[in-house]
């Protein structure tokens, strides 16, 4: 699996939001470089857990929809003799 990568715009937005969080919740100024380093750490070390949870949730949804489709197809079956 390739590493999680963000566009410059996405990274800039995440840095801004992280800085705002630190200022509002922790009353601490966070520079751009430390914010970028924290985002890189989260993406590298924690990101896979969130990514895998998303895959698991998607797989569960797709399996449920597949089961609904199978049931709908069985509902279309016709009985011999038209009854």
PDB file of N, CA and C in Angstrom:
ATOM      1  N   UNK A   1       0.850  -1.177   0.000  1.00  0.00           N
ATOM      2  CA  UNK A   1       0.000   0.000   0.000  1.00  0.00           C
ATOM      3  C   UNK A   1       0.890   1.232   0.000  1.00  0.00           C
ATOM      4  N   UNK A   2       0.560   2.179  -0.848  1.00  0.00           N
ATOM      5  CA  UNK A   2       1.362   3.394  -0.887  1.00  0.00           C
ATOM      6  C   UNK A   2       0.970   4.307   0.270  1.00  0.00           C
ATOM      7  N   UNK A   3       1.902   5.146   0.706  1.00  0.00           N
ATOM      8  CA  UNK A   3       1.612   6.035   1.842  1.00  0.00           C
ATOM      9  C   UNK A   3       0.517   7.044   1.510  1.00  0.00           C
ATOM     10  N   UNK A   4      -0.165   7.489   2.547  1.00  0.00           N
ATOM     11  CA  UNK A   4      -1.208   8.496   2.384  1.00  0.00           C
ATOM     12  C   UNK A   4      -0.540   9.813   1.999  1.00  0.00           C
ATOM     13  N   UNK A   5      -1.005  10.425   0.939  1.00  0.00           N
ATOM     14  CA  UNK A   5      -0.446  11.701   0.477  1.00  0.00           C
ATOM     15  C   UNK A   5      -1.582  12.703   0.319  1.00  0.00           C
ATOM     16  N   UNK A   6      -1.283  13.952   0.622  1.00  0.00           N
ATOM     17  CA  UNK A   6      -2.268  15.020   0.528  1.00  0.00           C
ATOM     18  C   UNK A   6      -1.761  16.092  -0.429  1.00  0.00           C
ATOM     19  N   UNK A   7      -2.684  16.761  -1.090  1.00  0.00           N
ATOM     20  CA  UNK A   7      -2.305  17.877  -1.954  1.00  0.00           C
ATOM     21  C   UNK A   7      -1.826  19.039  -1.081  1.00  0.00           C
ATOM     22  N   UNK A   8      -1.179  20.003  -1.702  1.00  0.00           N
ATOM     23  CA  UNK A   8      -0.711  21.177  -0.957  1.00  0.00           C
ATOM     24  C   UNK A   8      -1.875  21.904  -0.301  1.00  0.00           C
ATOM     25  N   UNK A   9      -2.993  21.982  -1.014  1.00  0.00           N
ATOM     26  CA  UNK A   9      -4.165  22.660  -0.475  1.00  0.00           C
ATOM     27  C   UNK A   9      -4.734  21.911   0.731  1.00  0.00           C
ATOM     28  N   UNK A  10      -4.801  20.588   0.619  1.00  0.00           N
ATOM     29  CA  UNK A  10      -5.297  19.778   1.740  1.00  0.00           C
ATOM     30  C   UNK A  10      -4.391  19.928   2.960  1.00  0.00           C
ATOM     31  N   UNK A  11      -3.079  19.855   2.732  1.00  0.00           N
ATOM     32  CA  UNK A  11      -2.122  19.992   3.832  1.00  0.00           C
ATOM     33  C   UNK A  11      -2.228  21.373   4.467  1.00  0.00           C
ATOM     34  N   UNK A  12      -2.339  22.398   3.648  1.00  0.00           N
ATOM     35  CA  UNK A  12      -2.461  23.766   4.168  1.00  0.00           C
ATOM     36  C   UNK A  12      -3.713  23.898   5.036  1.00  0.00           C
ATOM     37  N   UNK A  13      -4.822  23.314   4.590  1.00  0.00           N
ATOM     38  CA  UNK A  13      -6.061  23.370   5.357  1.00  0.00           C
ATOM     39  C   UNK A  13      -5.931  22.593   6.666  1.00  0.00           C
ATOM     40  N   UNK A  14      -5.303  21.415   6.608  1.00  0.00           N
ATOM     41  CA  UNK A  14      -5.117  20.632   7.832  1.00  0.00           C
ATOM     42  C   UNK A  14      -4.220  21.355   8.827  1.00  0.00           C
ATOM     43  N   UNK A  15      -3.165  21.998   8.333  1.00  0.00           N
ATOM     44  CA  UNK A  15      -2.271  22.766   9.212  1.00  0.00           C
ATOM     45  C   UNK A  15      -3.062  23.881   9.883  1.00  0.00           C
ATOM     46  N   UNK A  16      -3.851  24.609   9.108  1.00  0.00           N
ATOM     47  CA  UNK A  16      -4.639  25.706   9.662  1.00  0.00           C
ATOM     48  C   UNK A  16      -5.597  25.202  10.737  1.00  0.00           C
ATOM     49  N   UNK A  17      -6.263  24.094  10.463  1.00  0.00           N
ATOM     50  CA  UNK A  17      -7.218  23.544  11.426  1.00  0.00           C
ATOM     51  C   UNK A  17      -6.529  23.024  12.681  1.00  0.00           C
ATOM     52  N   UNK A  18      -5.376  22.394  12.506  1.00  0.00           N
ATOM     53  CA  UNK A  18      -4.614  21.897  13.653  1.00  0.00           C
ATOM     54  C   UNK A  18      -4.107  23.058  14.506  1.00  0.00           C
ATOM     55  N   UNK A  19      -3.634  24.095  13.858  1.00  0.00           N
ATOM     56  CA  UNK A  19      -3.188  25.285  14.594  1.00  0.00           C
ATOM     57  C   UNK A  19      -4.350  25.902  15.367  1.00  0.00           C
ATOM     58  N   UNK A  20      -5.516  25.980  14.752  1.00  0.00           N
ATOM     59  CA  UNK A  20      -6.687  26.539  15.432  1.00  0.00           C
ATOM     60  C   UNK A  20      -7.078  25.666  16.624  1.00  0.00           C
ATOM     61  N   UNK A  21      -7.008  24.359  16.464  1.00  0.00           N
ATOM     62  CA  UNK A  21      -7.329  23.453  17.566  1.00  0.00           C
ATOM     63  C   UNK A  21      -6.366  23.669  18.735  1.00  0.00           C
ATOM     64  N   UNK A  22      -5.084  23.705  18.435  1.00  0.00           N
ATOM     65  CA  UNK A  22      -4.099  23.924  19.499  1.00  0.00           C
ATOM     66  C   UNK A  22      -4.320  25.255  20.190  1.00  0.00           C
ATOM     67  N   UNK A  23      -4.639  26.290  19.422  1.00  0.00           N
ATOM     68  CA  UNK A  23      -4.867  27.614  20.006  1.00  0.00           C
ATOM     69  C   UNK A  23      -6.128  27.626  20.864  1.00  0.00           C
ATOM     70  N   UNK A  24      -7.211  27.056  20.364  1.00  0.00           N
ATOM     71  CA  UNK A  24      -8.493  27.100  21.070  1.00  0.00           C
ATOM     72  C   UNK A  24      -8.547  26.147  22.260  1.00  0.00           C
ATOM     73  N   UNK A  25      -8.100  24.920  22.071  1.00  0.00           N
ATOM     74  CA  UNK A  25      -8.263  23.895  23.096  1.00  0.00           C
ATOM     75  C   UNK A  25      -7.084  23.793  24.062  1.00  0.00           C
ATOM     76  N   UNK A  26      -5.882  24.061  23.556  1.00  0.00           N
ATOM     77  CA  UNK A  26      -4.694  23.883  24.379  1.00  0.00           C
ATOM     78  C   UNK A  26      -3.995  25.200  24.714  1.00  0.00           C
ATOM     79  N   UNK A  27      -4.518  26.296  24.149  1.00  0.00           N
ATOM     80  CA  UNK A  27      -3.929  27.624  24.340  1.00  0.00           C
ATOM     81  C   UNK A  27      -2.429  27.603  24.064  1.00  0.00           C
ATOM     82  N   UNK A  28      -2.085  26.958  22.953  1.00  0.00           N
ATOM     83  CA  UNK A  28      -0.694  26.804  22.549  1.00  0.00           C
ATOM     84  C   UNK A  28      -0.564  27.182  21.078  1.00  0.00           C
ATOM     85  N   UNK A  29       0.488  27.932  20.772  1.00  0.00           N
ATOM     86  CA  UNK A  29       0.773  28.240  19.373  1.00  0.00           C
ATOM     87  C   UNK A  29       1.519  27.057  18.761  1.00  0.00           C
ATOM     88  N   UNK A  30       1.109  26.674  17.585  1.00  0.00           N
ATOM     89  CA  UNK A  30       1.749  25.572  16.866  1.00  0.00           C
ATOM     90  C   UNK A  30       2.233  26.116  15.537  1.00  0.00           C
ATOM     91  N   UNK A  31       3.523  26.028  15.301  1.00  0.00           N
ATOM     92  CA  UNK A  31       4.096  26.505  14.051  1.00  0.00           C
ATOM     93  C   UNK A  31       3.736  25.603  12.881  1.00  0.00           C
ATOM     94  N   UNK A  32       3.994  26.099  11.698  1.00  0.00           N
ATOM     95  CA  UNK A  32       3.660  25.355  10.483  1.00  0.00           C
ATOM     96  C   UNK A  32       4.451  24.047  10.419  1.00  0.00           C
ATOM     97  N   UNK A  33       5.765  24.101  10.644  1.00  0.00           N
ATOM     98  CA  UNK A  33       6.583  22.892  10.551  1.00  0.00           C
ATOM     99  C   UNK A  33       6.172  21.842  11.580  1.00  0.00           C
ATOM    100  N   UNK A  34       6.010  22.199  12.870  1.00  0.00           N
ATOM    101  CA  UNK A  34       5.535  21.180  13.817  1.00  0.00           C
ATOM    102  C   UNK A  34       4.153  20.622  13.440  1.00  0.00           C
ATOM    103  N   UNK A  35       3.282  21.467  12.915  1.00  0.00           N
ATOM    104  CA  UNK A  35       1.956  20.994  12.499  1.00  0.00           C
ATOM    105  C   UNK A  35       2.087  20.008  11.344  1.00  0.00           C
ATOM    106  N   UNK A  36       2.931  20.316  10.380  1.00  0.00           N
ATOM    107  CA  UNK A  36       3.141  19.408   9.252  1.00  0.00           C
ATOM    108  C   UNK A  36       3.748  18.088   9.725  1.00  0.00           C
ATOM    109  N   UNK A  37       4.670  18.162  10.682  1.00  0.00           N
ATOM    110  CA  UNK A  37       5.285  16.946  11.213  1.00  0.00           C
ATOM    111  C   UNK A  37       4.258  16.095  11.960  1.00  0.00           C
ATOM    112  N   UNK A  38       3.373  16.732  12.711  1.00  0.00           N
ATOM    113  CA  UNK A  38       2.329  16.006  13.431  1.00  0.00           C
ATOM    114  C   UNK A  38       1.367  15.341  12.448  1.00  0.00           C
ATOM    115  N   UNK A  39       1.002  16.058  11.401  1.00  0.00           N
ATOM    116  CA  UNK A  39       0.122  15.489  10.374  1.00  0.00           C
ATOM    117  C   UNK A  39       0.795  14.306   9.692  1.00  0.00           C
ATOM    118  N   UNK A  40       2.094  14.429   9.391  1.00  0.00           N
ATOM    119  CA  UNK A  40       2.828  13.324   8.765  1.00  0.00           C
ATOM    120  C   UNK A  40       2.849  12.109   9.689  1.00  0.00           C
ATOM    121  N   UNK A  41       3.065  12.327  10.990  1.00  0.00           N
ATOM    122  CA  UNK A  41       3.053  11.231  11.957  1.00  0.00           C
ATOM    123  C   UNK A  41       1.683  10.559  11.995  1.00  0.00           C
ATOM    124  N   UNK A  42       0.635  11.364  12.090  1.00  0.00           N
ATOM    125  CA  UNK A  42      -0.721  10.805  12.151  1.00  0.00           C
ATOM    126  C   UNK A  42      -1.022  10.015  10.882  1.00  0.00           C
ATOM    127  N   UNK A  43      -0.672  10.567   9.730  1.00  0.00           N
ATOM    128  CA  UNK A  43      -0.935   9.881   8.462  1.00  0.00           C
ATOM    129  C   UNK A  43      -0.155   8.573   8.382  1.00  0.00           C
ATOM    130  N   UNK A  44       1.091   8.585   8.820  1.00  0.00           N
ATOM    131  CA  UNK A  44       1.951   7.408   8.712  1.00  0.00           C
ATOM    132  C   UNK A  44       1.618   6.339   9.755  1.00  0.00           C
ATOM    133  N   UNK A  45       1.446   6.765  11.011  1.00  0.00           N
ATOM    134  CA  UNK A  45       1.324   5.795  12.102  1.00  0.00           C
ATOM    135  C   UNK A  45      -0.113   5.505  12.536  1.00  0.00           C
ATOM    136  N   UNK A  46      -1.006   6.454  12.383  1.00  0.00           N
ATOM    137  CA  UNK A  46      -2.391   6.264  12.797  1.00  0.00           C
ATOM    138  C   UNK A  46      -3.342   6.164  11.609  1.00  0.00           C
ATOM    139  N   UNK A  47      -2.979   6.768  10.519  1.00  0.00           N
ATOM    140  CA  UNK A  47      -3.834   6.785   9.338  1.00  0.00           C
ATOM    141  C   UNK A  47      -4.285   5.411   8.875  1.00  0.00           C
ATOM    142  N   UNK A  48      -3.378   4.412   8.852  1.00  0.00           N
ATOM    143  CA  UNK A  48      -3.812   3.088   8.406  1.00  0.00           C
ATOM    144  C   UNK A  48      -4.968   2.505   9.225  1.00  0.00           C
ATOM    145  N   UNK A  49      -5.017   2.791  10.513  1.00  0.00           N
ATOM    146  CA  UNK A  49      -6.123   2.282  11.333  1.00  0.00           C
ATOM    147  C   UNK A  49      -7.450   2.890  10.883  1.00  0.00           C
ATOM    148  N   UNK A  50      -7.462   4.194  10.597  1.00  0.00           N
ATOM    149  CA  UNK A  50      -8.676   4.851  10.114  1.00  0.00           C
ATOM    150  C   UNK A  50      -9.032   4.357   8.716  1.00  0.00           C
ATOM    151  N   UNK A  51      -8.026   4.210   7.876  1.00  0.00           N
ATOM    152  CA  UNK A  51      -8.230   3.722   6.506  1.00  0.00           C
ATOM    153  C   UNK A  51      -8.822   2.311   6.531  1.00  0.00           C
ATOM    154  N   UNK A  52      -8.231   1.447   7.354  1.00  0.00           N
ATOM    155  CA  UNK A  52      -8.718   0.070   7.443  1.00  0.00           C
ATOM    156  C   UNK A  52     -10.142   0.015   7.989  1.00  0.00           C
ATOM    157  N   UNK A  53     -10.479   0.889   8.933  1.00  0.00           N
ATOM    158  CA  UNK A  53     -11.850   0.936   9.455  1.00  0.00           C
ATOM    159  C   UNK A  53     -12.806   1.328   8.331  1.00  0.00           C
ATOM    160  N   UNK A  54     -12.402   2.280   7.503  1.00  0.00           N
ATOM    161  CA  UNK A  54     -13.235   2.670   6.366  1.00  0.00           C
ATOM    162  C   UNK A  54     -13.432   1.526   5.387  1.00  0.00           C
ATOM    163  N   UNK A  55     -12.358   0.766   5.141  1.00  0.00           N
ATOM    164  CA  UNK A  55     -12.478  -0.401   4.262  1.00  0.00           C
ATOM    165  C   UNK A  55     -13.426  -1.442   4.852  1.00  0.00           C
ATOM    166  N   UNK A  56     -13.299  -1.685   6.150  1.00  0.00           N
ATOM    167  CA  UNK A  56     -14.154  -2.649   6.828  1.00  0.00           C
ATOM    168  C   UNK A  56     -15.618  -2.209   6.730  1.00  0.00           C
ATOM    169  N   UNK A  57     -15.876  -0.930   6.995  1.00  0.00           N
ATOM    170  CA  UNK A  57     -17.244  -0.415   6.913  1.00  0.00           C
ATOM    171  C   UNK A  57     -17.793  -0.532   5.490  1.00  0.00           C
ATOM    172  N   UNK A  58     -16.961  -0.228   4.500  1.00  0.00           N
ATOM    173  CA  UNK A  58     -17.390  -0.339   3.104  1.00  0.00           C
ATOM    174  C   UNK A  58     -17.682  -1.786   2.744  1.00  0.00           C
ATOM    175  N   UNK A  59     -16.827  -2.709   3.197  1.00  0.00           N
ATOM    176  CA  UNK A  59     -17.034  -4.132   2.920  1.00  0.00           C
ATOM    177  C   UNK A  59     -18.333  -4.623   3.552  1.00  0.00           C
ATOM    178  N   UNK A  60     -18.623  -4.181   4.771  1.00  0.00           N
ATOM    179  CA  UNK A  60     -19.857  -4.567   5.444  1.00  0.00           C
ATOM    180  C   UNK A  60     -21.074  -4.055   4.680  1.00  0.00           C
ATOM    181  N   UNK A  61     -21.017  -2.805   4.227  1.00  0.00           N
ATOM    182  CA  UNK A  61     -22.111  -2.229   3.457  1.00  0.00           C
ATOM    183  C   UNK A  61     -22.322  -2.974   2.139  1.00  0.00           C
ATOM    184  N   UNK A  62     -21.236  -3.248   1.438  1.00  0.00           N
ATOM    185  CA  UNK A  62     -21.341  -3.940   0.150  1.00  0.00           C
ATOM    186  C   UNK A  62     -21.900  -5.344   0.339  1.00  0.00           C
ATOM    187  N   UNK A  63     -21.475  -6.047   1.394  1.00  0.00           N
ATOM    188  CA  UNK A  63     -21.992  -7.395   1.662  1.00  0.00           C
ATOM    189  C   UNK A  63     -23.492  -7.348   1.939  1.00  0.00           C
ATOM    190  N   UNK A  64     -23.937  -6.341   2.692  1.00  0.00           N
ATOM    191  CA  UNK A  64     -25.368  -6.218   2.988  1.00  0.00           C
ATOM    192  C   UNK A  64     -26.155  -5.927   1.713  1.00  0.00           C
ATOM    193  N   UNK A  65     -25.625  -5.045   0.875  1.00  0.00           N
ATOM    194  CA  UNK A  65     -26.313  -4.724  -0.384  1.00  0.00           C
ATOM    195  C   UNK A  65     -26.330  -5.929  -1.318  1.00  0.00           C
ATOM    196  N   UNK A  66     -25.259  -6.713  -1.328  1.00  0.00           N
ATOM    197  CA  UNK A  66     -25.217  -7.915  -2.161  1.00  0.00           C
ATOM    198  C   UNK A  66     -26.282  -8.908  -1.700  1.00  0.00           C
ATOM    199  N   UNK A  67     -26.443  -9.055  -0.394  1.00  0.00           N
ATOM    200  CA  UNK A  67     -27.468  -9.959   0.138  1.00  0.00           C
ATOM    201  C   UNK A  67     -28.862  -9.469  -0.247  1.00  0.00           C
ATOM    202  N   UNK A  68     -29.095  -8.163  -0.190  1.00  0.00           N
ATOM    203  CA  UNK A  68     -30.386  -7.608  -0.613  1.00  0.00           C
ATOM    204  C   UNK A  68     -30.642  -7.901  -2.089  1.00  0.00           C
ATOM    205  N   UNK A  69     -29.600  -7.801  -2.894  1.00  0.00           N
ATOM    206  CA  UNK A  69     -29.727  -8.065  -4.330  1.00  0.00           C
ATOM    207  C   UNK A  69     -30.063  -9.525  -4.581  1.00  0.00           C
ATOM    208  N   UNK A  70     -29.390 -10.424  -3.871  1.00  0.00           N
ATOM    209  CA  UNK A  70     -29.681 -11.857  -4.014  1.00  0.00           C
ATOM    210  C   UNK A  70     -31.131 -12.133  -3.654  1.00  0.00           C
ATOM    211  N   UNK A  71     -31.605 -11.559  -2.561  1.00  0.00           N
ATOM    212  CA  UNK A  71     -32.998 -11.756  -2.153  1.00  0.00           C
ATOM    213  C   UNK A  71     -33.965 -11.195  -3.192  1.00  0.00           C
ATOM    214  N   UNK A  72     -33.637 -10.045  -3.768  1.00  0.00           N
ATOM    215  CA  UNK A  72     -34.503  -9.455  -4.793  1.00  0.00           C
ATOM    216  C   UNK A  72     -34.551 -10.334  -6.030  1.00  0.00           C
ATOM    217  N   UNK A  73     -33.420 -10.922  -6.390  1.00  0.00           N
ATOM    218  CA  UNK A  73     -33.396 -11.817  -7.558  1.00  0.00           C
ATOM    219  C   UNK A  73     -34.233 -13.061  -7.292  1.00  0.00           C
ATOM    220  N   UNK A  74     -34.113 -13.637  -6.109  1.00  0.00           N
ATOM    221  CA  UNK A  74     -34.949 -14.793  -5.775  1.00  0.00           C
ATOM    222  C   UNK A  74     -36.426 -14.414  -5.820  1.00  0.00           C
ATOM    223  N   UNK A  75     -36.745 -13.204  -5.466  1.00  0.00           N
ATOM    224  CA  UNK A  75     -38.136 -12.742  -5.513  1.00  0.00           C
ATOM    225  C   UNK A  75     -38.683 -12.660  -6.917  1.00  0.00           C
ATOM    226  N   UNK A  76     -37.812 -12.620  -7.903  1.00  0.00           N
ATOM    227  CA  UNK A  76     -38.240 -12.548  -9.310  1.00  0.00           C
ATOM    228  C   UNK A  76     -38.489 -13.931  -9.930  1.00  0.00           C
ATOM    229  N   UNK A  77     -38.102 -14.982  -9.224  1.00  0.00           N
ATOM    230  CA  UNK A  77     -38.286 -16.312  -9.763  1.00  0.00           C
ATOM    231  C   UNK A  77     -39.764 -16.596 -10.018  1.00  0.00           C
ATOM    232  N   UNK A  78     -40.008 -17.315 -11.090  1.00  0.00           N
ATOM    233  CA  UNK A  78     -41.370 -17.703 -11.440  1.00  0.00           C
ATOM    234  C   UNK A  78     -41.552 -19.182 -11.186  1.00  0.00           C
ATOM    235  N   UNK A  79     -42.728 -19.520 -10.752  1.00  0.00           N
ATOM    236  CA  UNK A  79     -43.071 -20.915 -10.470  1.00  0.00           C
ATOM    237  C   UNK A  79     -43.651 -21.534 -11.739  1.00  0.00           C
ATOM    238  N   UNK A  80     -43.417 -22.814 -11.963  1.00  0.00           N
ATOM    239  CA  UNK A  80     -44.030 -23.494 -13.128  1.00  0.00           C
ATOM    240  C   UNK A  80     -45.555 -23.463 -12.994  1.00  0.00           C
ATOM    241  N   UNK A  81     -46.248 -23.332 -14.076  1.00  0.00           N
ATOM    242  CA  UNK A  81     -47.714 -23.322 -14.083  1.00  0.00           C
ATOM    243  C   UNK A  81     -48.284 -21.939 -13.831  1.00  0.00           C
ATOM    244  N   UNK A  82     -47.448 -20.911 -13.741  1.00  0.00           N
ATOM    245  CA  UNK A  82     -47.951 -19.545 -13.574  1.00  0.00           C
ATOM    246  C   UNK A  82     -48.488 -19.217 -12.210  1.00  0.00           C
ATOM    247  N   UNK A  83     -48.244 -20.010 -11.197  1.00  0.00           N
ATOM    248  CA  UNK A  83     -48.777 -19.724  -9.855  1.00  0.00           C
ATOM    249  C   UNK A  83     -47.698 -19.415  -8.883  1.00  0.00           C
TER     250      UNK A  83
END
